[in-house]
Protein backbone atom coordinates (compact mmCIF):
# COMPACT_ATOMS: atom_id res chain seq x y z
CA UNK A 1 -13.07 -6.67 -1.89
CA UNK A 2 -10.20 -7.62 0.43
CA UNK A 3 -7.95 -4.99 1.83
CA UNK A 4 -4.25 -5.53 2.33
CA UNK A 5 -1.38 -3.90 4.10
CA UNK A 6 1.88 -4.18 2.05
CA UNK A 7 5.17 -3.72 3.92
CA UNK A 8 8.12 -2.39 1.73
CA UNK A 9 11.76 -2.26 3.14
CA UNK A 10 13.20 0.86 1.81
CA UNK A 11 16.17 2.07 3.71
CA UNK A 12 16.16 5.82 3.98
CA UNK A 13 12.53 6.25 3.11
CA UNK A 14 11.95 8.86 5.73
CA UNK A 15 14.53 11.00 4.02
CA UNK A 16 12.88 10.95 0.50
CA UNK A 17 12.23 14.41 -0.82
CA UNK A 18 8.74 15.44 -1.73
CA UNK A 19 9.79 15.20 -5.33
CA UNK A 20 10.97 11.68 -4.90
CA UNK A 21 7.71 10.67 -3.19
CA UNK A 22 5.71 12.29 -5.98
CA UNK A 23 7.64 10.32 -8.65
CA UNK A 24 6.97 7.11 -6.75
CA UNK A 25 3.33 7.94 -6.51
CA UNK A 26 3.15 8.75 -10.12
CA UNK A 27 4.84 5.48 -11.16
CA UNK A 28 2.31 3.64 -8.89
CA UNK A 29 -0.62 5.45 -10.41
CA UNK A 30 0.56 4.76 -13.92
CA UNK A 31 0.82 0.91 -13.13
CA UNK A 32 -2.50 0.93 -11.44
CA UNK A 33 -4.20 2.58 -14.46
CA UNK A 34 -2.75 -0.18 -16.66
CA UNK A 35 -4.03 -2.92 -14.26
CA UNK A 36 -7.55 -1.67 -14.21
CA UNK A 37 -10.04 -0.74 -11.62
CA UNK A 38 -9.83 -3.98 -9.56
CA UNK A 39 -6.89 -2.81 -7.56
CA UNK A 40 -6.93 0.56 -5.81
CA UNK A 41 -4.22 2.29 -3.68
CA UNK A 42 -5.79 3.85 -0.64
CA UNK A 43 -2.80 5.41 1.15
CA UNK A 44 0.69 4.85 2.38
CA UNK A 45 2.66 5.44 5.45
CA UNK A 46 6.38 6.49 5.15
CA UNK A 47 8.65 5.60 8.15
CA UNK A 48 12.42 5.86 8.42
CA UNK A 49 13.22 2.60 6.53
CA UNK A 50 9.85 1.26 5.28
CA UNK A 51 6.81 2.33 3.45
CA UNK A 52 3.40 0.66 4.55
CA UNK A 53 0.77 0.61 1.86
CA UNK A 54 -2.97 -0.07 2.01
CA UNK A 55 -4.51 -1.56 -1.16
CA UNK A 56 -7.81 -2.93 -2.07
CA UNK A 57 -7.47 -5.90 -4.51
CA UNK A 58 -9.20 -9.23 -5.34
CA UNK A 59 -5.97 -11.10 -4.75
CA UNK A 60 -2.43 -10.84 -3.35
CA UNK A 61 -1.26 -11.91 -6.94
CA UNK A 62 -2.57 -8.75 -8.35
CA UNK A 63 -0.62 -6.75 -5.73
CA UNK A 64 2.50 -8.58 -6.67
CA UNK A 65 1.99 -7.97 -10.33
CA UNK A 66 1.63 -4.05 -9.54
CA UNK A 67 4.89 -4.21 -7.45
CA UNK A 68 6.77 -6.09 -10.22
CA UNK A 69 5.55 -3.74 -12.92
CA UNK A 70 6.43 -0.64 -10.82
CA UNK A 71 9.72 -1.99 -9.54
CA UNK A 72 8.51 -1.71 -5.84
CA UNK A 73 9.80 -4.00 -3.29
CA UNK A 74 7.55 -6.23 -1.12
CA UNK A 75 8.67 -7.46 2.30
CA UNK A 76 5.31 -8.72 3.29
CA UNK A 77 1.55 -8.75 2.39
CA UNK A 78 -1.18 -9.03 5.09
CA UNK A 79 -4.94 -9.25 4.51
CA UNK A 80 -6.77 -6.90 6.83
CA UNK A 81 -9.38 -8.94 8.83
CA UNK A 82 -10.81 -6.17 10.98
CA UNK A 83 -10.41 -2.37 11.45
CA UNK A 84 -10.63 -1.02 14.93
CA UNK A 85 -10.47 2.58 16.30
CA UNK A 86 -11.37 4.43 19.47
CA UNK A 87 -15.07 4.19 18.46
CA UNK A 88 -14.76 0.29 18.67
CA UNK A 89 -14.82 0.72 22.55
CA UNK A 90 -18.20 2.24 22.37
CA UNK A 91 -19.78 -0.58 20.72
CA UNK A 92 -21.35 -2.15 23.80
CA UNK A 93 -25.14 -2.48 23.50
């Protein structure tokens, strides 16, 4: 199943309280439950003015449906083609 990174412009995101972040998370989970198991939220990274979310979904359209139903902004969606980390440097045979 494809993995996507979703960029969401949200001015002041880094100043959201833990309660506000919990409310956003609850809303997202509610929408995901209604959409079914094909779409999964893995994690999100909150920066000063953006939130970057990692989702697994069969299509971008399903991600857009989630955003629309939850009232979440989407600035961009990019499909993950590869994942690398420090262990990638050790792959030489």
